[in-house]
Amino acid sequence: MYSVFLFATNLRTIAHILRRFRNLHKDGCHSEHFRMTELFVYLQPDFLRVMEMKAFWTILMLVASNILMTFAWYGQFKLQEMKISTDWPLILIILVSWGVAFFEYSFMIPANRIGFTDNGGPFNLVQLKVIQEAISLTVFTIIISLMFKNQSFHWNHFVSFAFIVLAVFFAFVK
C-alpha cells in the first residue's frame, strides 16, 4: 500500500513541476537558467526523500493509531468474550476505552500534522481522511478476523472494501 501512496506523491510532485513550467512559459519567462534552477530545486533527491519519508511516517502512524482505536472500540467485546469484563460497569469500560484512545490520539495527531500539505507534508486534508479510512477498514478487518473467529465476511463486504480502495484512488486523481 505504501508504494501506491508513494507513487501518487511522486506523480503529484512531477505534475506540480510541469504546471509550474507551463505557467512560467505562458507568463513570458523564457529564462532557461530560471527554469533549470526551478527543476533542480524540485527534483533534488533530498526533497523527494523528505516527502517520501513524511508519507511513510504518516501512514505508519495512521496504522498504529487505527490499531489502538480498533482495540478501544471493539476490544471490550473480546474482554467480554473472555469473561474478564462481564461484571464491569459501563463507566469503567468507557474509561478504559478512553485510556486506549489517548494513545491512539498520540499517533493520529502527529500523523496528520506531518502529512498535511500546509505543514510541508505530501497530502491534503481530503487525501489524509481517505487514507485514514482505508487504513481503518483494513486494520479493522485484520483484527476482527483474528480476534473474533465467529465473524464471517461475505461478498458484499468485499465489494464495499473495493469501493473504499477506489475512493483512495479518486482522492489522488487531479
N, C-alpha and C. Protein backbone atom coordinates (compact mmCIF):
# COMPACT_ATOMS: atom_id res chain seq x y z
N MET A 1 0.82 -1.18 0.00
CA MET A 1 0.00 0.00 0.00
C MET A 1 0.88 1.25 0.00
N TYR A 2 2.01 1.18 0.70
CA TYR A 2 2.91 2.34 0.77
C TYR A 2 3.38 2.75 -0.61
N SER A 3 3.68 1.76 -1.46
CA SER A 3 4.19 2.10 -2.79
C SER A 3 3.14 2.82 -3.62
N VAL A 4 1.87 2.52 -3.43
CA VAL A 4 0.81 3.21 -4.16
C VAL A 4 0.78 4.68 -3.76
N PHE A 5 0.85 4.95 -2.44
CA PHE A 5 0.83 6.33 -1.97
C PHE A 5 2.10 7.06 -2.37
N LEU A 6 3.23 6.35 -2.33
CA LEU A 6 4.50 6.95 -2.72
C LEU A 6 4.47 7.32 -4.20
N PHE A 7 3.94 6.42 -5.02
CA PHE A 7 3.83 6.69 -6.45
C PHE A 7 2.93 7.90 -6.69
N ALA A 8 1.80 7.96 -5.98
CA ALA A 8 0.88 9.10 -6.15
C ALA A 8 1.55 10.39 -5.70
N THR A 9 2.33 10.34 -4.63
CA THR A 9 3.02 11.53 -4.15
C THR A 9 4.03 12.02 -5.17
N ASN A 10 4.80 11.09 -5.75
CA ASN A 10 5.79 11.48 -6.76
C ASN A 10 5.11 12.01 -8.02
N LEU A 11 4.00 11.40 -8.41
CA LEU A 11 3.28 11.90 -9.58
C LEU A 11 2.76 13.31 -9.33
N ARG A 12 2.29 13.56 -8.10
CA ARG A 12 1.81 14.89 -7.78
C ARG A 12 2.93 15.90 -7.84
N THR A 13 4.11 15.54 -7.36
CA THR A 13 5.27 16.44 -7.41
C THR A 13 5.65 16.74 -8.85
N ILE A 14 5.69 15.72 -9.70
CA ILE A 14 6.05 15.91 -11.10
C ILE A 14 4.99 16.75 -11.81
N ALA A 15 3.71 16.50 -11.50
CA ALA A 15 2.64 17.29 -12.11
C ALA A 15 2.76 18.76 -11.70
N HIS A 16 3.13 18.99 -10.45
CA HIS A 16 3.31 20.36 -9.96
C HIS A 16 4.45 21.05 -10.75
N ILE A 17 5.53 20.34 -10.98
CA ILE A 17 6.66 20.91 -11.73
C ILE A 17 6.22 21.26 -13.14
N LEU A 18 5.50 20.35 -13.79
CA LEU A 18 5.07 20.60 -15.16
C LEU A 18 4.11 21.79 -15.24
N ARG A 19 3.19 21.89 -14.29
CA ARG A 19 2.28 23.05 -14.26
C ARG A 19 3.06 24.34 -14.06
N ARG A 20 4.04 24.28 -13.20
CA ARG A 20 4.85 25.48 -12.90
C ARG A 20 5.60 25.94 -14.16
N PHE A 21 6.18 25.00 -14.89
CA PHE A 21 6.90 25.35 -16.11
C PHE A 21 5.96 25.89 -17.17
N ARG A 22 4.77 25.26 -17.29
CA ARG A 22 3.81 25.74 -18.27
C ARG A 22 3.38 27.17 -17.94
N ASN A 23 3.15 27.47 -16.66
CA ASN A 23 2.76 28.82 -16.24
C ASN A 23 3.90 29.81 -16.46
N LEU A 24 5.14 29.40 -16.24
CA LEU A 24 6.28 30.30 -16.47
C LEU A 24 6.36 30.67 -17.94
N HIS A 25 6.14 29.67 -18.79
CA HIS A 25 6.21 29.92 -20.23
C HIS A 25 5.08 30.85 -20.68
N LYS A 26 3.86 30.64 -20.15
CA LYS A 26 2.73 31.49 -20.51
C LYS A 26 2.94 32.93 -20.03
N ASP A 27 3.61 33.08 -18.87
CA ASP A 27 3.84 34.41 -18.31
C ASP A 27 4.97 35.15 -19.01
N GLY A 28 5.61 34.51 -19.94
CA GLY A 28 6.65 35.18 -20.71
C GLY A 28 8.04 35.05 -20.13
N CYS A 29 8.21 34.20 -19.14
CA CYS A 29 9.55 34.00 -18.57
C CYS A 29 10.25 32.95 -19.41
N HIS A 30 11.19 33.39 -20.23
CA HIS A 30 11.89 32.48 -21.14
C HIS A 30 13.30 32.20 -20.68
N SER A 31 13.62 32.60 -19.48
CA SER A 31 14.97 32.40 -18.97
C SER A 31 15.21 30.92 -18.73
N GLU A 32 16.07 30.34 -19.52
CA GLU A 32 16.40 28.91 -19.39
C GLU A 32 17.04 28.64 -18.03
N HIS A 33 17.87 29.59 -17.57
CA HIS A 33 18.53 29.43 -16.27
C HIS A 33 17.50 29.34 -15.15
N PHE A 34 16.48 30.19 -15.20
CA PHE A 34 15.46 30.19 -14.16
C PHE A 34 14.69 28.87 -14.16
N ARG A 35 14.33 28.37 -15.33
CA ARG A 35 13.59 27.11 -15.39
C ARG A 35 14.45 25.94 -14.94
N MET A 36 15.71 25.92 -15.29
CA MET A 36 16.60 24.83 -14.86
C MET A 36 16.81 24.88 -13.35
N THR A 37 16.89 26.10 -12.79
CA THR A 37 17.03 26.23 -11.34
C THR A 37 15.79 25.68 -10.65
N GLU A 38 14.60 26.02 -11.17
CA GLU A 38 13.36 25.50 -10.61
C GLU A 38 13.33 23.98 -10.66
N LEU A 39 13.72 23.42 -11.81
CA LEU A 39 13.73 21.98 -11.97
C LEU A 39 14.70 21.33 -10.98
N PHE A 40 15.86 21.91 -10.81
CA PHE A 40 16.86 21.38 -9.90
C PHE A 40 16.34 21.39 -8.46
N VAL A 41 15.70 22.47 -8.05
CA VAL A 41 15.19 22.57 -6.68
C VAL A 41 14.13 21.51 -6.43
N TYR A 42 13.21 21.32 -7.38
CA TYR A 42 12.12 20.39 -7.16
C TYR A 42 12.54 18.93 -7.29
N LEU A 43 13.55 18.67 -8.07
CA LEU A 43 13.94 17.28 -8.29
C LEU A 43 15.14 16.85 -7.47
N GLN A 44 15.54 17.65 -6.52
CA GLN A 44 16.65 17.25 -5.66
C GLN A 44 16.27 15.96 -4.94
N PRO A 45 17.19 15.04 -4.87
CA PRO A 45 16.89 13.80 -4.17
C PRO A 45 16.47 14.02 -2.72
N ASP A 46 17.06 15.02 -2.07
CA ASP A 46 16.70 15.28 -0.67
C ASP A 46 15.24 15.69 -0.55
N PHE A 47 14.75 16.52 -1.47
CA PHE A 47 13.36 16.96 -1.44
C PHE A 47 12.42 15.77 -1.58
N LEU A 48 12.69 14.92 -2.57
CA LEU A 48 11.85 13.74 -2.78
C LEU A 48 11.95 12.77 -1.61
N ARG A 49 13.15 12.61 -1.08
CA ARG A 49 13.34 11.70 0.04
C ARG A 49 12.57 12.19 1.27
N VAL A 50 12.58 13.50 1.52
CA VAL A 50 11.84 14.05 2.66
C VAL A 50 10.35 13.81 2.47
N MET A 51 9.84 14.05 1.27
CA MET A 51 8.42 13.83 1.01
C MET A 51 8.06 12.35 1.16
N GLU A 52 8.92 11.47 0.68
CA GLU A 52 8.67 10.04 0.81
C GLU A 52 8.68 9.63 2.28
N MET A 53 9.61 10.16 3.06
CA MET A 53 9.67 9.82 4.48
C MET A 53 8.46 10.37 5.22
N LYS A 54 8.02 11.57 4.87
CA LYS A 54 6.82 12.12 5.51
C LYS A 54 5.60 11.26 5.18
N ALA A 55 5.50 10.80 3.95
CA ALA A 55 4.40 9.91 3.58
C ALA A 55 4.49 8.60 4.34
N PHE A 56 5.70 8.06 4.42
CA PHE A 56 5.91 6.79 5.14
C PHE A 56 5.52 6.92 6.61
N TRP A 57 6.04 7.95 7.29
CA TRP A 57 5.76 8.12 8.72
C TRP A 57 4.28 8.43 8.96
N THR A 58 3.69 9.20 8.08
CA THR A 58 2.26 9.49 8.22
C THR A 58 1.45 8.20 8.16
N ILE A 59 1.71 7.38 7.16
CA ILE A 59 0.95 6.14 7.00
C ILE A 59 1.24 5.18 8.14
N LEU A 60 2.49 5.07 8.56
CA LEU A 60 2.84 4.18 9.66
C LEU A 60 2.14 4.60 10.96
N MET A 61 2.13 5.89 11.25
CA MET A 61 1.46 6.36 12.47
C MET A 61 -0.06 6.22 12.36
N LEU A 62 -0.61 6.37 11.16
CA LEU A 62 -2.05 6.14 10.99
C LEU A 62 -2.40 4.67 11.22
N VAL A 63 -1.53 3.77 10.80
CA VAL A 63 -1.76 2.34 11.05
C VAL A 63 -1.73 2.07 12.56
N ALA A 64 -0.70 2.60 13.26
CA ALA A 64 -0.62 2.41 14.71
C ALA A 64 -1.84 3.00 15.41
N SER A 65 -2.23 4.17 14.98
CA SER A 65 -3.40 4.84 15.55
C SER A 65 -4.66 4.00 15.37
N ASN A 66 -4.83 3.46 14.19
CA ASN A 66 -6.05 2.68 13.92
C ASN A 66 -6.05 1.33 14.62
N ILE A 67 -4.88 0.76 14.86
CA ILE A 67 -4.82 -0.47 15.66
C ILE A 67 -5.31 -0.17 17.07
N LEU A 68 -4.81 0.92 17.65
CA LEU A 68 -5.25 1.28 19.00
C LEU A 68 -6.73 1.63 19.04
N MET A 69 -7.22 2.35 18.04
CA MET A 69 -8.63 2.73 18.05
C MET A 69 -9.54 1.52 17.87
N THR A 70 -9.12 0.56 17.08
CA THR A 70 -9.92 -0.65 16.94
C THR A 70 -10.02 -1.38 18.27
N PHE A 71 -8.92 -1.42 19.01
CA PHE A 71 -8.97 -2.03 20.34
C PHE A 71 -9.81 -1.21 21.31
N ALA A 72 -9.73 0.12 21.20
CA ALA A 72 -10.53 0.98 22.08
C ALA A 72 -12.03 0.77 21.81
N TRP A 73 -12.40 0.63 20.55
CA TRP A 73 -13.81 0.49 20.22
C TRP A 73 -14.33 -0.93 20.40
N TYR A 74 -13.55 -1.93 19.97
CA TYR A 74 -14.07 -3.29 19.90
C TYR A 74 -13.40 -4.26 20.86
N GLY A 75 -12.34 -3.82 21.53
CA GLY A 75 -11.67 -4.70 22.49
C GLY A 75 -12.56 -5.11 23.64
N GLN A 76 -13.52 -4.26 23.97
CA GLN A 76 -14.46 -4.57 25.05
C GLN A 76 -15.21 -5.88 24.78
N PHE A 77 -15.49 -6.16 23.51
CA PHE A 77 -16.21 -7.38 23.18
C PHE A 77 -15.34 -8.62 23.39
N LYS A 78 -14.06 -8.49 23.12
CA LYS A 78 -13.14 -9.60 23.36
C LYS A 78 -12.98 -9.82 24.86
N LEU A 79 -12.88 -8.73 25.62
CA LEU A 79 -12.80 -8.86 27.08
C LEU A 79 -14.07 -9.52 27.62
N GLN A 80 -15.20 -9.17 27.07
CA GLN A 80 -16.46 -9.77 27.48
C GLN A 80 -16.51 -11.25 27.10
N GLU A 81 -16.03 -11.57 25.90
CA GLU A 81 -16.00 -12.96 25.44
C GLU A 81 -15.08 -13.80 26.33
N MET A 82 -13.99 -13.20 26.79
CA MET A 82 -13.04 -13.91 27.66
C MET A 82 -13.49 -13.91 29.12
N LYS A 83 -14.65 -13.33 29.38
CA LYS A 83 -15.25 -13.24 30.72
C LYS A 83 -14.39 -12.42 31.69
N ILE A 84 -13.68 -11.42 31.17
CA ILE A 84 -12.87 -10.54 32.00
C ILE A 84 -13.69 -9.33 32.46
N SER A 85 -14.49 -8.78 31.55
CA SER A 85 -15.20 -7.54 31.86
C SER A 85 -16.71 -7.73 32.00
N THR A 86 -17.16 -8.94 32.23
CA THR A 86 -18.61 -9.17 32.29
C THR A 86 -19.26 -8.44 33.46
N ASP A 87 -18.53 -8.23 34.54
CA ASP A 87 -19.11 -7.57 35.72
C ASP A 87 -18.75 -6.08 35.80
N TRP A 88 -18.02 -5.58 34.81
CA TRP A 88 -17.62 -4.18 34.85
C TRP A 88 -18.81 -3.27 34.56
N PRO A 89 -18.90 -2.16 35.28
CA PRO A 89 -19.94 -1.19 34.93
C PRO A 89 -19.57 -0.48 33.62
N LEU A 90 -20.56 0.03 32.96
CA LEU A 90 -20.35 0.69 31.67
C LEU A 90 -19.34 1.83 31.78
N ILE A 91 -19.39 2.58 32.87
CA ILE A 91 -18.47 3.72 33.01
C ILE A 91 -17.01 3.26 33.05
N LEU A 92 -16.73 2.10 33.64
CA LEU A 92 -15.36 1.58 33.66
C LEU A 92 -14.92 1.17 32.25
N ILE A 93 -15.81 0.56 31.49
CA ILE A 93 -15.48 0.19 30.11
C ILE A 93 -15.20 1.45 29.29
N ILE A 94 -15.99 2.49 29.49
CA ILE A 94 -15.77 3.76 28.79
C ILE A 94 -14.43 4.35 29.16
N LEU A 95 -14.09 4.35 30.45
CA LEU A 95 -12.81 4.92 30.90
C LEU A 95 -11.62 4.13 30.35
N VAL A 96 -11.73 2.83 30.31
CA VAL A 96 -10.65 2.01 29.74
C VAL A 96 -10.50 2.33 28.25
N SER A 97 -11.63 2.44 27.55
CA SER A 97 -11.57 2.78 26.12
C SER A 97 -10.97 4.16 25.92
N TRP A 98 -11.31 5.12 26.77
CA TRP A 98 -10.71 6.46 26.68
C TRP A 98 -9.21 6.42 26.91
N GLY A 99 -8.79 5.56 27.84
CA GLY A 99 -7.35 5.42 28.10
C GLY A 99 -6.61 4.92 26.88
N VAL A 100 -7.20 3.95 26.19
CA VAL A 100 -6.58 3.45 24.95
C VAL A 100 -6.63 4.52 23.87
N ALA A 101 -7.74 5.25 23.80
CA ALA A 101 -7.91 6.29 22.79
C ALA A 101 -6.90 7.43 22.98
N PHE A 102 -6.48 7.67 24.22
CA PHE A 102 -5.45 8.69 24.45
C PHE A 102 -4.19 8.35 23.66
N PHE A 103 -3.78 7.09 23.73
CA PHE A 103 -2.58 6.68 22.99
C PHE A 103 -2.83 6.68 21.49
N GLU A 104 -4.07 6.39 21.10
CA GLU A 104 -4.43 6.48 19.68
C GLU A 104 -4.22 7.90 19.17
N TYR A 105 -4.67 8.86 19.94
CA TYR A 105 -4.50 10.26 19.54
C TYR A 105 -3.04 10.67 19.54
N SER A 106 -2.22 10.02 20.34
CA SER A 106 -0.79 10.32 20.37
C SER A 106 -0.11 9.93 19.06
N PHE A 107 -0.75 9.08 18.28
CA PHE A 107 -0.26 8.76 16.94
C PHE A 107 -1.02 9.53 15.86
N MET A 108 -2.33 9.68 16.03
CA MET A 108 -3.17 10.30 14.99
C MET A 108 -2.83 11.76 14.77
N ILE A 109 -2.71 12.53 15.83
CA ILE A 109 -2.46 13.97 15.69
C ILE A 109 -1.10 14.23 15.02
N PRO A 110 0.00 13.62 15.48
CA PRO A 110 1.27 13.84 14.76
C PRO A 110 1.24 13.36 13.32
N ALA A 111 0.54 12.25 13.04
CA ALA A 111 0.45 11.76 11.67
C ALA A 111 -0.20 12.80 10.77
N ASN A 112 -1.29 13.38 11.23
CA ASN A 112 -1.97 14.39 10.43
C ASN A 112 -1.13 15.66 10.29
N ARG A 113 -0.42 16.03 11.32
CA ARG A 113 0.42 17.23 11.23
C ARG A 113 1.58 17.03 10.27
N ILE A 114 2.22 15.86 10.33
CA ILE A 114 3.35 15.57 9.45
C ILE A 114 2.89 15.44 8.00
N GLY A 115 1.73 14.81 7.79
CA GLY A 115 1.28 14.52 6.43
C GLY A 115 0.57 15.65 5.72
N PHE A 116 0.15 16.68 6.45
CA PHE A 116 -0.66 17.75 5.85
C PHE A 116 0.20 18.70 5.01
N THR A 117 -0.29 19.04 3.82
CA THR A 117 0.47 19.87 2.88
C THR A 117 0.84 21.23 3.46
N ASP A 118 -0.04 21.83 4.24
CA ASP A 118 0.27 23.15 4.81
C ASP A 118 1.40 23.10 5.84
N ASN A 119 1.72 21.90 6.32
CA ASN A 119 2.85 21.71 7.23
C ASN A 119 4.05 21.10 6.51
N GLY A 120 4.02 21.11 5.19
CA GLY A 120 5.13 20.57 4.41
C GLY A 120 4.99 19.10 4.08
N GLY A 121 3.83 18.52 4.34
CA GLY A 121 3.62 17.11 4.05
C GLY A 121 3.11 16.88 2.64
N PRO A 122 2.96 15.63 2.26
CA PRO A 122 2.57 15.31 0.88
C PRO A 122 1.06 15.22 0.63
N PHE A 123 0.21 15.27 1.67
CA PHE A 123 -1.21 15.01 1.49
C PHE A 123 -2.07 16.22 1.86
N ASN A 124 -3.16 16.43 1.10
CA ASN A 124 -4.13 17.44 1.51
C ASN A 124 -5.10 16.80 2.50
N LEU A 125 -6.02 17.58 3.05
CA LEU A 125 -6.92 17.07 4.09
C LEU A 125 -7.82 15.93 3.60
N VAL A 126 -8.33 16.06 2.39
CA VAL A 126 -9.19 15.01 1.86
C VAL A 126 -8.39 13.72 1.69
N GLN A 127 -7.19 13.82 1.16
CA GLN A 127 -6.36 12.63 0.98
C GLN A 127 -6.03 12.00 2.33
N LEU A 128 -5.70 12.82 3.32
CA LEU A 128 -5.43 12.28 4.66
C LEU A 128 -6.63 11.50 5.20
N LYS A 129 -7.81 12.07 5.06
CA LYS A 129 -9.01 11.42 5.58
C LYS A 129 -9.31 10.12 4.85
N VAL A 130 -9.18 10.13 3.53
CA VAL A 130 -9.47 8.92 2.76
C VAL A 130 -8.44 7.83 3.07
N ILE A 131 -7.18 8.22 3.18
CA ILE A 131 -6.14 7.26 3.56
C ILE A 131 -6.46 6.67 4.93
N GLN A 132 -6.83 7.53 5.86
CA GLN A 132 -7.14 7.08 7.22
C GLN A 132 -8.31 6.10 7.20
N GLU A 133 -9.33 6.38 6.43
CA GLU A 133 -10.49 5.47 6.37
C GLU A 133 -10.11 4.13 5.75
N ALA A 134 -9.29 4.15 4.71
CA ALA A 134 -8.86 2.89 4.09
C ALA A 134 -8.01 2.07 5.07
N ILE A 135 -7.12 2.75 5.79
CA ILE A 135 -6.30 2.06 6.79
C ILE A 135 -7.20 1.53 7.90
N SER A 136 -8.15 2.33 8.33
CA SER A 136 -9.06 1.93 9.40
C SER A 136 -9.82 0.66 9.03
N LEU A 137 -10.33 0.61 7.82
CA LEU A 137 -11.07 -0.57 7.38
C LEU A 137 -10.16 -1.79 7.27
N THR A 138 -8.95 -1.59 6.77
CA THR A 138 -8.01 -2.70 6.65
C THR A 138 -7.62 -3.23 8.02
N VAL A 139 -7.27 -2.34 8.93
CA VAL A 139 -6.90 -2.75 10.29
C VAL A 139 -8.07 -3.44 10.97
N PHE A 140 -9.26 -2.86 10.85
CA PHE A 140 -10.46 -3.45 11.43
C PHE A 140 -10.66 -4.87 10.92
N THR A 141 -10.56 -5.06 9.62
CA THR A 141 -10.78 -6.37 9.02
C THR A 141 -9.78 -7.39 9.54
N ILE A 142 -8.52 -7.00 9.61
CA ILE A 142 -7.49 -7.93 10.07
C ILE A 142 -7.69 -8.28 11.54
N ILE A 143 -7.88 -7.26 12.36
CA ILE A 143 -8.02 -7.51 13.80
C ILE A 143 -9.28 -8.31 14.11
N ILE A 144 -10.39 -7.94 13.51
CA ILE A 144 -11.64 -8.65 13.77
C ILE A 144 -11.56 -10.10 13.30
N SER A 145 -10.93 -10.33 12.15
CA SER A 145 -10.82 -11.71 11.66
C SER A 145 -9.89 -12.55 12.56
N LEU A 146 -8.93 -11.90 13.22
CA LEU A 146 -8.05 -12.62 14.14
C LEU A 146 -8.67 -12.80 15.52
N MET A 147 -9.35 -11.76 16.00
CA MET A 147 -9.90 -11.79 17.37
C MET A 147 -11.23 -12.53 17.47
N PHE A 148 -12.06 -12.37 16.46
CA PHE A 148 -13.41 -12.94 16.51
C PHE A 148 -13.56 -13.93 15.36
N LYS A 149 -13.29 -15.17 15.64
CA LYS A 149 -13.33 -16.20 14.60
C LYS A 149 -14.75 -16.46 14.11
N ASN A 150 -15.75 -16.11 14.93
CA ASN A 150 -17.13 -16.38 14.54
C ASN A 150 -17.71 -15.31 13.61
N GLN A 151 -16.97 -14.26 13.34
CA GLN A 151 -17.42 -13.22 12.41
C GLN A 151 -16.97 -13.59 11.01
N SER A 152 -17.91 -13.68 10.10
CA SER A 152 -17.55 -14.05 8.73
C SER A 152 -17.76 -12.87 7.80
N PHE A 153 -17.02 -12.88 6.71
CA PHE A 153 -17.13 -11.85 5.69
C PHE A 153 -17.84 -12.43 4.47
N HIS A 154 -18.67 -11.61 3.87
CA HIS A 154 -19.44 -12.04 2.71
C HIS A 154 -19.04 -11.20 1.50
N TRP A 155 -19.56 -11.56 0.36
CA TRP A 155 -19.19 -10.88 -0.89
C TRP A 155 -19.48 -9.39 -0.83
N ASN A 156 -20.58 -9.00 -0.21
CA ASN A 156 -20.93 -7.57 -0.16
C ASN A 156 -19.94 -6.78 0.69
N HIS A 157 -19.33 -7.42 1.68
CA HIS A 157 -18.30 -6.75 2.47
C HIS A 157 -17.08 -6.47 1.59
N PHE A 158 -16.70 -7.44 0.78
CA PHE A 158 -15.54 -7.25 -0.10
C PHE A 158 -15.81 -6.18 -1.17
N VAL A 159 -17.04 -6.12 -1.65
CA VAL A 159 -17.40 -5.07 -2.61
C VAL A 159 -17.29 -3.71 -1.95
N SER A 160 -17.76 -3.59 -0.72
CA SER A 160 -17.67 -2.30 -0.03
C SER A 160 -16.21 -1.93 0.23
N PHE A 161 -15.36 -2.91 0.52
CA PHE A 161 -13.92 -2.63 0.70
C PHE A 161 -13.32 -2.14 -0.62
N ALA A 162 -13.73 -2.74 -1.71
CA ALA A 162 -13.21 -2.33 -3.02
C ALA A 162 -13.60 -0.88 -3.32
N PHE A 163 -14.80 -0.49 -2.95
CA PHE A 163 -15.22 0.90 -3.17
C PHE A 163 -14.37 1.86 -2.34
N ILE A 164 -13.97 1.45 -1.17
CA ILE A 164 -13.11 2.32 -0.35
C ILE A 164 -11.73 2.44 -0.98
N VAL A 165 -11.22 1.35 -1.54
CA VAL A 165 -9.95 1.42 -2.26
C VAL A 165 -10.08 2.35 -3.46
N LEU A 166 -11.21 2.27 -4.16
CA LEU A 166 -11.45 3.19 -5.27
C LEU A 166 -11.53 4.64 -4.78
N ALA A 167 -12.06 4.85 -3.59
CA ALA A 167 -12.12 6.20 -3.03
C ALA A 167 -10.71 6.75 -2.83
N VAL A 168 -9.79 5.91 -2.38
CA VAL A 168 -8.40 6.35 -2.23
C VAL A 168 -7.84 6.74 -3.59
N PHE A 169 -8.08 5.93 -4.58
CA PHE A 169 -7.60 6.23 -5.93
C PHE A 169 -8.14 7.58 -6.41
N PHE A 170 -9.45 7.78 -6.30
CA PHE A 170 -10.05 9.02 -6.79
C PHE A 170 -9.65 10.23 -5.97
N ALA A 171 -9.30 10.04 -4.70
CA ALA A 171 -8.83 11.17 -3.89
C ALA A 171 -7.51 11.71 -4.39
N PHE A 172 -6.73 10.88 -5.10
CA PHE A 172 -5.43 11.31 -5.59
C PHE A 172 -5.44 11.75 -7.05
N VAL A 173 -6.57 11.57 -7.73
CA VAL A 173 -6.68 12.00 -9.12
C VAL A 173 -6.81 13.52 -9.15
N LYS A 174 -6.07 14.14 -10.03
CA LYS A 174 -6.13 15.61 -10.16
C LYS A 174 -7.08 16.00 -11.25
